[in-house]
PDB file of N, CA and C in Angstrom:
ATOM      1  N   MET A   1     -71.819   5.913  -4.273  1.00  0.00           N
ATOM      2  CA  MET A   1     -71.885   5.968  -6.114  1.00  0.00           C
ATOM      3  C   MET A   1     -70.250   5.459  -5.884  1.00  0.00           C
ATOM      4  N   ARG A   2     -69.873   4.566  -6.500  1.00  0.00           N
ATOM      5  CA  ARG A   2     -69.135   3.776  -7.183  1.00  0.00           C
ATOM      6  C   ARG A   2     -68.648   4.212  -8.337  1.00  0.00           C
ATOM      7  N   TYR A   3     -67.484   4.252  -8.252  1.00  0.00           N
ATOM      8  CA  TYR A   3     -66.097   5.036  -9.338  1.00  0.00           C
ATOM      9  C   TYR A   3     -65.319   3.863 -10.386  1.00  0.00           C
ATOM     10  N   SER A   4     -65.457   3.885 -11.170  1.00  0.00           N
ATOM     11  CA  SER A   4     -64.392   2.242 -11.799  1.00  0.00           C
ATOM     12  C   SER A   4     -63.332   3.213 -11.758  1.00  0.00           C
ATOM     13  N   ALA A   5     -62.046   2.034 -12.260  1.00  0.00           N
ATOM     14  CA  ALA A   5     -60.971   2.119 -12.107  1.00  0.00           C
ATOM     15  C   ALA A   5     -60.512   3.116 -13.250  1.00  0.00           C
ATOM     16  N   GLY A   6     -61.492   3.380 -14.370  1.00  0.00           N
ATOM     17  CA  GLY A   6     -61.009   4.301 -15.578  1.00  0.00           C
ATOM     18  C   GLY A   6     -61.211   6.081 -14.628  1.00  0.00           C
ATOM     19  N   GLU A   7     -62.359   6.214 -13.390  1.00  0.00           N
ATOM     20  CA  GLU A   7     -62.380   7.194 -13.266  1.00  0.00           C
ATOM     21  C   GLU A   7     -61.578   7.510 -12.733  1.00  0.00           C
ATOM     22  N   ILE A   8     -60.738   6.315 -11.370  1.00  0.00           N
ATOM     23  CA  ILE A   8     -60.021   6.554 -10.782  1.00  0.00           C
ATOM     24  C   ILE A   8     -58.691   7.085 -11.484  1.00  0.00           C
ATOM     25  N   THR A   9     -58.460   6.374 -12.297  1.00  0.00           N
ATOM     26  CA  THR A   9     -57.093   6.821 -12.958  1.00  0.00           C
ATOM     27  C   THR A   9     -57.349   8.315 -13.446  1.00  0.00           C
ATOM     28  N   ALA A  10     -58.691   8.711 -13.789  1.00  0.00           N
ATOM     29  CA  ALA A  10     -58.578   9.675 -14.419  1.00  0.00           C
ATOM     30  C   ALA A  10     -58.421  11.325 -13.457  1.00  0.00           C
ATOM     31  N   VAL A  11     -58.527  10.565 -12.596  1.00  0.00           N
ATOM     32  CA  VAL A  11     -58.791  11.702 -11.315  1.00  0.00           C
ATOM     33  C   VAL A  11     -56.936  11.727 -10.479  1.00  0.00           C
ATOM     34  N   VAL A  12     -56.458  10.725 -11.100  1.00  0.00           N
ATOM     35  CA  VAL A  12     -55.082  10.716 -10.749  1.00  0.00           C
ATOM     36  C   VAL A  12     -53.921  11.207 -11.964  1.00  0.00           C
ATOM     37  N   MET A  13     -54.739  11.259 -13.391  1.00  0.00           N
ATOM     38  CA  MET A  13     -53.898  11.934 -13.859  1.00  0.00           C
ATOM     39  C   MET A  13     -54.191  13.619 -14.417  1.00  0.00           C
ATOM     40  N   MET A  14     -55.394  13.587 -13.745  1.00  0.00           N
ATOM     41  CA  MET A  14     -55.889  15.459 -13.470  1.00  0.00           C
ATOM     42  C   MET A  14     -55.228  15.827 -12.306  1.00  0.00           C
ATOM     43  N   LEU A  15     -54.923  15.465 -11.118  1.00  0.00           N
ATOM     44  CA  LEU A  15     -53.647  15.777 -10.485  1.00  0.00           C
ATOM     45  C   LEU A  15     -51.812  15.973 -10.624  1.00  0.00           C
ATOM     46  N   PHE A  16     -52.009  15.289 -11.242  1.00  0.00           N
ATOM     47  CA  PHE A  16     -50.355  14.826 -11.688  1.00  0.00           C
ATOM     48  C   PHE A  16     -50.599  16.302 -12.824  1.00  0.00           C
ATOM     49  N   THR A  17     -51.364  16.399 -13.590  1.00  0.00           N
ATOM     50  CA  THR A  17     -51.194  17.284 -14.798  1.00  0.00           C
ATOM     51  C   THR A  17     -50.900  18.432 -13.960  1.00  0.00           C
ATOM     52  N   ALA A  18     -51.863  18.974 -12.867  1.00  0.00           N
ATOM     53  CA  ALA A  18     -52.036  20.144 -12.189  1.00  0.00           C
ATOM     54  C   ALA A  18     -50.743  20.532 -11.533  1.00  0.00           C
ATOM     55  N   SER A  19     -50.224  19.324 -10.671  1.00  0.00           N
ATOM     56  CA  SER A  19     -48.919  19.115 -10.507  1.00  0.00           C
ATOM     57  C   SER A  19     -47.008  19.397 -11.232  1.00  0.00           C
ATOM     58  N   VAL A  20     -48.038  19.196 -12.730  1.00  0.00           N
ATOM     59  CA  VAL A  20     -46.507  19.148 -13.602  1.00  0.00           C
ATOM     60  C   VAL A  20     -46.688  20.994 -13.992  1.00  0.00           C
ATOM     61  N   LEU A  21     -48.065  21.146 -14.313  1.00  0.00           N
ATOM     62  CA  LEU A  21     -48.413  22.606 -14.809  1.00  0.00           C
ATOM     63  C   LEU A  21     -47.284  23.564 -13.506  1.00  0.00           C
ATOM     64  N   LEU A  22     -47.768  23.598 -12.833  1.00  0.00           N
ATOM     65  CA  LEU A  22     -47.340  24.278 -11.293  1.00  0.00           C
ATOM     66  C   LEU A  22     -45.587  23.767 -11.311  1.00  0.00           C
ATOM     67  N   GLY A  23     -45.579  22.605 -11.564  1.00  0.00           N
ATOM     68  CA  GLY A  23     -43.585  22.213 -11.769  1.00  0.00           C
ATOM     69  C   GLY A  23     -42.821  23.159 -12.908  1.00  0.00           C
ATOM     70  N   ARG A  24     -44.144  23.120 -13.994  1.00  0.00           N
ATOM     71  CA  ARG A  24     -43.195  23.754 -15.388  1.00  0.00           C
ATOM     72  C   ARG A  24     -42.785  24.691 -14.745  1.00  0.00           C
ATOM     73  N   TYR A  25     -44.005  26.195 -14.267  1.00  0.00           N
ATOM     74  CA  TYR A  25     -42.598  27.239 -14.028  1.00  0.00           C
ATOM     75  C   TYR A  25     -42.475  27.527 -13.035  1.00  0.00           C
ATOM     76  N   ARG A  26     -41.760  26.729 -12.303  1.00  0.00           N
ATOM     77  CA  ARG A  26     -40.901  26.769 -10.838  1.00  0.00           C
ATOM     78  C   ARG A  26     -39.956  25.958 -11.107  1.00  0.00           C
ATOM     79  N   LEU A  27     -39.887  25.174 -11.677  1.00  0.00           N
ATOM     80  CA  LEU A  27     -38.333  24.524 -11.895  1.00  0.00           C
ATOM     81  C   LEU A  27     -37.403  24.670 -13.106  1.00  0.00           C
ATOM     82  N   ARG A  28     -36.757  24.228 -13.996  1.00  0.00           N
ATOM     83  CA  ARG A  28     -35.557  24.834 -14.489  1.00  0.00           C
ATOM     84  C   ARG A  28     -35.982  24.200 -15.907  1.00  0.00           C
ATOM     85  N   PRO A  29     -36.201  25.196 -16.942  1.00  0.00           N
ATOM     86  CA  PRO A  29     -36.701  25.174 -18.266  1.00  0.00           C
ATOM     87  C   PRO A  29     -36.635  23.233 -18.726  1.00  0.00           C
ATOM     88  N   ASP A  30     -34.824  23.559 -18.475  1.00  0.00           N
ATOM     89  CA  ASP A  30     -34.736  21.384 -19.283  1.00  0.00           C
ATOM     90  C   ASP A  30     -34.950  20.518 -18.273  1.00  0.00           C
ATOM     91  N   THR A  31     -35.824  20.780 -17.655  1.00  0.00           N
ATOM     92  CA  THR A  31     -36.160  19.568 -16.541  1.00  0.00           C
ATOM     93  C   THR A  31     -36.716  17.978 -17.307  1.00  0.00           C
ATOM     94  N   ASN A  32     -36.750  17.067 -17.114  1.00  0.00           N
ATOM     95  CA  ASN A  32     -36.986  16.233 -17.876  1.00  0.00           C
ATOM     96  C   ASN A  32     -39.140  15.556 -17.117  1.00  0.00           C
ATOM     97  N   LEU A  33     -39.354  16.682 -16.224  1.00  0.00           N
ATOM     98  CA  LEU A  33     -40.860  16.524 -15.292  1.00  0.00           C
ATOM     99  C   LEU A  33     -41.884  16.404 -16.943  1.00  0.00           C
ATOM    100  N   SER A  34     -41.529  17.074 -17.810  1.00  0.00           N
ATOM    101  CA  SER A  34     -43.231  16.889 -18.695  1.00  0.00           C
ATOM    102  C   SER A  34     -42.402  16.043 -19.709  1.00  0.00           C
ATOM    103  N   LEU A  35     -41.219  15.277 -19.740  1.00  0.00           N
ATOM    104  CA  LEU A  35     -41.335  14.249 -20.307  1.00  0.00           C
ATOM    105  C   LEU A  35     -41.655  13.178 -19.874  1.00  0.00           C
ATOM    106  N   VAL A  36     -41.776  12.554 -18.729  1.00  0.00           N
ATOM    107  CA  VAL A  36     -42.503  12.343 -17.422  1.00  0.00           C
ATOM    108  C   VAL A  36     -43.796  11.918 -17.633  1.00  0.00           C
ATOM    109  N   TYR A  37     -44.449  12.758 -17.446  1.00  0.00           N
ATOM    110  CA  TYR A  37     -45.691  13.273 -17.548  1.00  0.00           C
ATOM    111  C   TYR A  37     -46.395  12.923 -19.007  1.00  0.00           C
ATOM    112  N   PHE A  38     -45.753  13.244 -20.115  1.00  0.00           N
ATOM    113  CA  PHE A  38     -46.156  12.779 -21.574  1.00  0.00           C
ATOM    114  C   PHE A  38     -46.237  10.834 -21.479  1.00  0.00           C
ATOM    115  N   LEU A  39     -44.937  11.067 -20.913  1.00  0.00           N
ATOM    116  CA  LEU A  39     -44.674   9.151 -20.947  1.00  0.00           C
ATOM    117  C   LEU A  39     -46.031   8.357 -20.398  1.00  0.00           C
ATOM    118  N   VAL A  40     -46.419   8.957 -19.307  1.00  0.00           N
ATOM    119  CA  VAL A  40     -47.559   8.983 -18.757  1.00  0.00           C
ATOM    120  C   VAL A  40     -48.697   8.497 -19.222  1.00  0.00           C
ATOM    121  N   VAL A  41     -49.107   9.720 -20.082  1.00  0.00           N
ATOM    122  CA  VAL A  41     -50.538  10.705 -20.461  1.00  0.00           C
ATOM    123  C   VAL A  41     -50.542   9.370 -22.120  1.00  0.00           C
ATOM    124  N   PHE A  42     -49.323   9.419 -22.984  1.00  0.00           N
ATOM    125  CA  PHE A  42     -49.344   8.047 -23.571  1.00  0.00           C
ATOM    126  C   PHE A  42     -49.794   6.916 -22.956  1.00  0.00           C
ATOM    127  N   GLY A  43     -49.341   6.193 -22.122  1.00  0.00           N
ATOM    128  CA  GLY A  43     -50.106   4.846 -21.366  1.00  0.00           C
ATOM    129  C   GLY A  43     -51.531   4.809 -21.015  1.00  0.00           C
ATOM    130  N   TYR A  44     -51.638   6.323 -20.572  1.00  0.00           N
ATOM    131  CA  TYR A  44     -53.012   6.345 -19.950  1.00  0.00           C
ATOM    132  C   TYR A  44     -53.811   6.424 -21.860  1.00  0.00           C
ATOM    133  N   TYR A  45     -53.289   7.065 -22.274  1.00  0.00           N
ATOM    134  CA  TYR A  45     -54.208   6.855 -24.198  1.00  0.00           C
ATOM    135  C   TYR A  45     -54.344   5.500 -24.400  1.00  0.00           C
ATOM    136  N   PHE A  46     -53.197   5.105 -24.954  1.00  0.00           N
ATOM    137  CA  PHE A  46     -53.074   3.218 -25.133  1.00  0.00           C
ATOM    138  C   PHE A  46     -54.233   2.258 -24.261  1.00  0.00           C
ATOM    139  N   ASN A  47     -54.306   2.823 -23.114  1.00  0.00           N
ATOM    140  CA  ASN A  47     -55.370   2.428 -22.394  1.00  0.00           C
ATOM    141  C   ASN A  47     -56.625   2.306 -22.703  1.00  0.00           C
ATOM    142  N   PHE A  48     -56.874   3.689 -23.160  1.00  0.00           N
ATOM    143  CA  PHE A  48     -58.322   4.135 -22.650  1.00  0.00           C
ATOM    144  C   PHE A  48     -58.510   5.192 -24.250  1.00  0.00           C
ATOM    145  N   ARG A  49     -58.328   4.394 -25.379  1.00  0.00           N
ATOM    146  CA  ARG A  49     -58.505   5.793 -26.523  1.00  0.00           C
ATOM    147  C   ARG A  49     -59.676   6.522 -26.608  1.00  0.00           C
ATOM    148  N   SER A  50     -60.715   6.178 -26.651  1.00  0.00           N
ATOM    149  CA  SER A  50     -61.162   7.409 -27.057  1.00  0.00           C
ATOM    150  C   SER A  50     -61.538   8.247 -26.332  1.00  0.00           C
ATOM    151  N   SER A  51     -60.720   8.318 -25.298  1.00  0.00           N
ATOM    152  CA  SER A  51     -60.605   9.694 -24.830  1.00  0.00           C
ATOM    153  C   SER A  51     -60.006  10.806 -24.642  1.00  0.00           C
ATOM    154  N   LEU A  52     -58.180  10.771 -25.488  1.00  0.00           N
ATOM    155  CA  LEU A  52     -57.881  11.547 -25.530  1.00  0.00           C
ATOM    156  C   LEU A  52     -57.907  12.117 -27.215  1.00  0.00           C
ATOM    157  N   ASN A  53     -57.014  13.172 -27.903  1.00  0.00           N
ATOM    158  CA  ASN A  53     -57.114  13.475 -29.530  1.00  0.00           C
ATOM    159  C   ASN A  53     -55.556  13.481 -29.247  1.00  0.00           C
ATOM    160  N   PRO A  54     -55.015  12.391 -30.385  1.00  0.00           N
ATOM    161  CA  PRO A  54     -53.994  11.583 -30.509  1.00  0.00           C
ATOM    162  C   PRO A  54     -53.017  13.171 -30.896  1.00  0.00           C
ATOM    163  N   GLN A  55     -53.420  13.832 -31.881  1.00  0.00           N
ATOM    164  CA  GLN A  55     -52.519  15.266 -32.535  1.00  0.00           C
ATOM    165  C   GLN A  55     -52.561  16.128 -31.095  1.00  0.00           C
ATOM    166  N   VAL A  56     -53.300  16.417 -30.484  1.00  0.00           N
ATOM    167  CA  VAL A  56     -52.509  17.040 -29.036  1.00  0.00           C
ATOM    168  C   VAL A  56     -51.306  16.566 -28.365  1.00  0.00           C
ATOM    169  N   LEU A  57     -51.508  14.968 -28.082  1.00  0.00           N
ATOM    170  CA  LEU A  57     -50.944  14.816 -27.503  1.00  0.00           C
ATOM    171  C   LEU A  57     -49.487  14.946 -28.130  1.00  0.00           C
ATOM    172  N   TYR A  58     -48.981  14.518 -29.276  1.00  0.00           N
ATOM    173  CA  TYR A  58     -47.901  15.057 -30.279  1.00  0.00           C
ATOM    174  C   TYR A  58     -47.746  16.350 -30.474  1.00  0.00           C
ATOM    175  N   ALA A  59     -48.240  16.902 -30.363  1.00  0.00           N
ATOM    176  CA  ALA A  59     -48.259  18.096 -30.047  1.00  0.00           C
ATOM    177  C   ALA A  59     -47.126  18.814 -28.678  1.00  0.00           C
ATOM    178  N   GLY A  60     -48.077  18.100 -28.046  1.00  0.00           N
ATOM    179  CA  GLY A  60     -47.621  18.478 -26.592  1.00  0.00           C
ATOM    180  C   GLY A  60     -46.423  17.596 -25.826  1.00  0.00           C
ATOM    181  N   VAL A  61     -45.637  16.698 -26.894  1.00  0.00           N
ATOM    182  CA  VAL A  61     -44.413  16.223 -26.736  1.00  0.00           C
ATOM    183  C   VAL A  61     -43.547  16.700 -27.573  1.00  0.00           C
ATOM    184  N   VAL A  62     -44.048  17.286 -28.584  1.00  0.00           N
ATOM    185  CA  VAL A  62     -42.883  17.520 -29.234  1.00  0.00           C
ATOM    186  C   VAL A  62     -42.841  19.313 -28.497  1.00  0.00           C
ATOM    187  N   SER A  63     -43.063  19.857 -28.112  1.00  0.00           N
ATOM    188  CA  SER A  63     -42.914  20.930 -27.617  1.00  0.00           C
ATOM    189  C   SER A  63     -42.513  21.412 -26.357  1.00  0.00           C
ATOM    190  N   ALA A  64     -42.268  19.787 -26.022  1.00  0.00           N
ATOM    191  CA  ALA A  64     -41.633  18.995 -24.222  1.00  0.00           C
ATOM    192  C   ALA A  64     -40.140  18.872 -24.766  1.00  0.00           C
ATOM    193  N   LEU A  65     -40.559  18.168 -26.058  1.00  0.00           N
ATOM    194  CA  LEU A  65     -39.210  18.161 -26.261  1.00  0.00           C
ATOM    195  C   LEU A  65     -37.815  19.083 -26.936  1.00  0.00           C
ATOM    196  N   PHE A  66     -38.556  20.095 -27.899  1.00  0.00           N
ATOM    197  CA  PHE A  66     -38.365  21.017 -27.505  1.00  0.00           C
ATOM    198  C   PHE A  66     -37.232  22.231 -26.554  1.00  0.00           C
ATOM    199  N   LEU A  67     -38.271  22.276 -25.579  1.00  0.00           N
ATOM    200  CA  LEU A  67     -38.038  22.771 -24.210  1.00  0.00           C
ATOM    201  C   LEU A  67     -37.191  22.234 -23.789  1.00  0.00           C
ATOM    202  N   ARG A  68     -36.378  21.249 -23.960  1.00  0.00           N
ATOM    203  CA  ARG A  68     -35.523  20.245 -23.118  1.00  0.00           C
ATOM    204  C   ARG A  68     -34.035  20.698 -23.789  1.00  0.00           C
ATOM    205  N   PHE A  69     -34.237  21.194 -24.741  1.00  0.00           N
ATOM    206  CA  PHE A  69     -32.733  21.919 -25.391  1.00  0.00           C
ATOM    207  C   PHE A  69     -32.475  23.005 -24.595  1.00  0.00           C
ATOM    208  N   GLU A  70     -31.293  23.113 -24.073  1.00  0.00           N
ATOM    209  CA  GLU A  70     -31.122  24.710 -23.295  1.00  0.00           C
ATOM    210  C   GLU A  70     -30.437  25.856 -24.379  1.00  0.00           C
ATOM    211  N   PHE A  71     -30.393  25.803 -25.713  1.00  0.00           N
ATOM    212  CA  PHE A  71     -30.084  26.757 -26.521  1.00  0.00           C
ATOM    213  C   PHE A  71     -31.558  27.718 -27.027  1.00  0.00           C
ATOM    214  N   MET A  72     -32.723  27.235 -26.482  1.00  0.00           N
ATOM    215  CA  MET A  72     -33.585  28.244 -26.522  1.00  0.00           C
ATOM    216  C   MET A  72     -34.139  29.188 -25.432  1.00  0.00           C
ATOM    217  N   SER A  73     -34.104  30.068 -26.327  1.00  0.00           N
ATOM    218  CA  SER A  73     -34.746  31.388 -25.564  1.00  0.00           C
ATOM    219  C   SER A  73     -35.066  32.747 -26.172  1.00  0.00           C
ATOM    220  N   GLY A  74     -35.553  33.523 -25.348  1.00  0.00           N
ATOM    221  CA  GLY A  74     -37.199  34.393 -26.092  1.00  0.00           C
ATOM    222  C   GLY A  74     -37.838  33.850 -25.876  1.00  0.00           C
ATOM    223  N   TRP A  75     -38.693  34.411 -27.572  1.00  0.00           N
ATOM    224  CA  TRP A  75     -39.817  34.819 -27.787  1.00  0.00           C
ATOM    225  C   TRP A  75     -40.338  32.604 -28.191  1.00  0.00           C
ATOM    226  N   LEU A  76     -39.221  32.273 -28.852  1.00  0.00           N
ATOM    227  CA  LEU A  76     -39.411  30.576 -28.940  1.00  0.00           C
ATOM    228  C   LEU A  76     -39.580  29.853 -27.919  1.00  0.00           C
ATOM    229  N   ARG A  77     -39.137  30.271 -27.273  1.00  0.00           N
ATOM    230  CA  ARG A  77     -39.271  29.441 -26.000  1.00  0.00           C
ATOM    231  C   ARG A  77     -40.438  29.571 -25.074  1.00  0.00           C
ATOM    232  N   TRP A  78     -40.777  31.121 -24.958  1.00  0.00           N
ATOM    233  CA  TRP A  78     -42.531  31.420 -24.647  1.00  0.00           C
ATOM    234  C   TRP A  78     -43.504  31.052 -25.483  1.00  0.00           C
ATOM    235  N   PHE A  79     -42.664  30.769 -26.828  1.00  0.00           N
ATOM    236  CA  PHE A  79     -44.440  30.085 -27.424  1.00  0.00           C
ATOM    237  C   PHE A  79     -44.200  29.060 -27.459  1.00  0.00           C
ATOM    238  N   LEU A  80     -43.021  27.709 -27.239  1.00  0.00           N
ATOM    239  CA  LEU A  80     -42.890  26.550 -26.732  1.00  0.00           C
ATOM    240  C   LEU A  80     -43.751  25.947 -25.421  1.00  0.00           C
ATOM    241  N   GLN A  81     -43.210  27.261 -24.693  1.00  0.00           N
ATOM    242  CA  GLN A  81     -44.102  27.032 -23.113  1.00  0.00           C
ATOM    243  C   GLN A  81     -45.433  26.964 -22.915  1.00  0.00           C
ATOM    244  N   ALA A  82     -46.252  28.130 -24.045  1.00  0.00           N
ATOM    245  CA  ALA A  82     -47.166  28.532 -23.792  1.00  0.00           C
ATOM    246  C   ALA A  82     -48.355  27.670 -24.848  1.00  0.00           C
ATOM    247  N   ALA A  83     -47.479  26.377 -26.018  1.00  0.00           N
ATOM    248  CA  ALA A  83     -48.394  25.532 -26.677  1.00  0.00           C
ATOM    249  C   ALA A  83     -48.301  24.547 -25.648  1.00  0.00           C
ATOM    250  N   GLU A  84     -47.313  24.479 -25.006  1.00  0.00           N
ATOM    251  CA  GLU A  84     -47.367  22.803 -23.721  1.00  0.00           C
ATOM    252  C   GLU A  84     -48.125  23.012 -22.490  1.00  0.00           C
ATOM    253  N   THR A  85     -48.823  24.499 -22.415  1.00  0.00           N
ATOM    254  CA  THR A  85     -49.749  24.649 -21.586  1.00  0.00           C
ATOM    255  C   THR A  85     -50.739  24.632 -21.923  1.00  0.00           C
ATOM    256  N   VAL A  86     -50.822  24.769 -22.670  1.00  0.00           N
ATOM    257  CA  VAL A  86     -52.502  25.012 -24.134  1.00  0.00           C
ATOM    258  C   VAL A  86     -52.777  23.476 -23.705  1.00  0.00           C
ATOM    259  N   VAL A  87     -51.855  22.551 -24.471  1.00  0.00           N
ATOM    260  CA  VAL A  87     -51.676  20.663 -24.508  1.00  0.00           C
ATOM    261  C   VAL A  87     -52.002  20.430 -22.470  1.00  0.00           C
ATOM    262  N   MET A  88     -51.129  20.945 -21.816  1.00  0.00           N
ATOM    263  CA  MET A  88     -51.663  20.194 -20.498  1.00  0.00           C
ATOM    264  C   MET A  88     -53.373  20.657 -19.830  1.00  0.00           C
ATOM    265  N   VAL A  89     -53.404  22.241 -20.137  1.00  0.00           N
ATOM    266  CA  VAL A  89     -54.919  22.656 -19.719  1.00  0.00           C
ATOM    267  C   VAL A  89     -55.680  21.798 -20.310  1.00  0.00           C
ATOM    268  N   TYR A  90     -55.820  21.599 -21.790  1.00  0.00           N
ATOM    269  CA  TYR A  90     -56.643  20.809 -22.420  1.00  0.00           C
ATOM    270  C   TYR A  90     -56.892  19.131 -22.069  1.00  0.00           C
ATOM    271  N   LEU A  91     -55.401  18.747 -21.575  1.00  0.00           N
ATOM    272  CA  LEU A  91     -55.592  16.899 -21.161  1.00  0.00           C
ATOM    273  C   LEU A  91     -56.199  17.463 -19.713  1.00  0.00           C
ATOM    274  N   GLY A  92     -56.232  18.297 -19.024  1.00  0.00           N
ATOM    275  CA  GLY A  92     -56.527  18.618 -17.671  1.00  0.00           C
ATOM    276  C   GLY A  92     -58.195  18.506 -17.704  1.00  0.00           C
ATOM    277  N   TRP A  93     -58.460  19.064 -18.825  1.00  0.00           N
ATOM    278  CA  TRP A  93     -60.199  19.689 -19.075  1.00  0.00           C
ATOM    279  C   TRP A  93     -60.027  18.097 -19.351  1.00  0.00           C
ATOM    280  N   SER A  94     -60.118  17.037 -19.877  1.00  0.00           N
ATOM    281  CA  SER A  94     -59.857  16.176 -20.636  1.00  0.00           C
ATOM    282  C   SER A  94     -60.716  14.955 -19.458  1.00  0.00           C
ATOM    283  N   PHE A  95     -59.425  14.570 -18.494  1.00  0.00           N
ATOM    284  CA  PHE A  95     -59.463  14.164 -17.790  1.00  0.00           C
ATOM    285  C   PHE A  95     -60.691  14.495 -16.592  1.00  0.00           C
ATOM    286  N   TYR A  96     -61.033  16.005 -16.085  1.00  0.00           N
ATOM    287  CA  TYR A  96     -62.353  16.190 -15.579  1.00  0.00           C
ATOM    288  C   TYR A  96     -63.386  15.801 -16.592  1.00  0.00           C
ATOM    289  N   ASP A  97     -63.535  15.932 -17.227  1.00  0.00           N
ATOM    290  CA  ASP A  97     -64.122  15.457 -18.171  1.00  0.00           C
ATOM    291  C   ASP A  97     -65.212  14.374 -18.168  1.00  0.00           C
ATOM    292  N   ARG A  98     -64.115  13.394 -17.840  1.00  0.00           N
ATOM    293  CA  ARG A  98     -63.910  11.951 -17.941  1.00  0.00           C
ATOM    294  C   ARG A  98     -65.071  11.417 -16.678  1.00  0.00           C
ATOM    295  N   VAL A  99     -64.488  12.349 -15.678  1.00  0.00           N
ATOM    296  CA  VAL A  99     -64.719  11.903 -14.396  1.00  0.00           C
ATOM    297  C   VAL A  99     -66.248  12.802 -13.729  1.00  0.00           C
ATOM    298  N   TRP A 100     -66.175  13.727 -14.240  1.00  0.00           N
ATOM    299  CA  TRP A 100     -67.519  14.167 -13.467  1.00  0.00           C
ATOM    300  C   TRP A 100     -68.524  14.129 -14.722  1.00  0.00           C
ATOM    301  N   TYR A 101     -68.513  13.960 -16.093  1.00  0.00           N
ATOM    302  CA  TYR A 101     -69.672  14.417 -17.024  1.00  0.00           C
ATOM    303  C   TYR A 101     -69.970  12.928 -17.490  1.00  0.00           C
TER     304      TYR A 101
END
């Protein structure tokens, strides 16, 4: 079985998504890891337009940018982190769907 370059890139993005999800809860909340992740995801989106929903990407970037501020705490931080997690799980599932279906 031969895989195309797009499928291999989707596997790499799926692994990157899993590592960012793990790192998001182990590292400080004001880390730049999720911003770098969304930068890479936007690069993937611009190369493969039909594979990702842009509104979901925008929601993830906005939540990552708000989490970057250090004054966020309490229920707002929890809500934004949950929204970012949902977006990353959706993106991971989209990458998985691109490879194995």
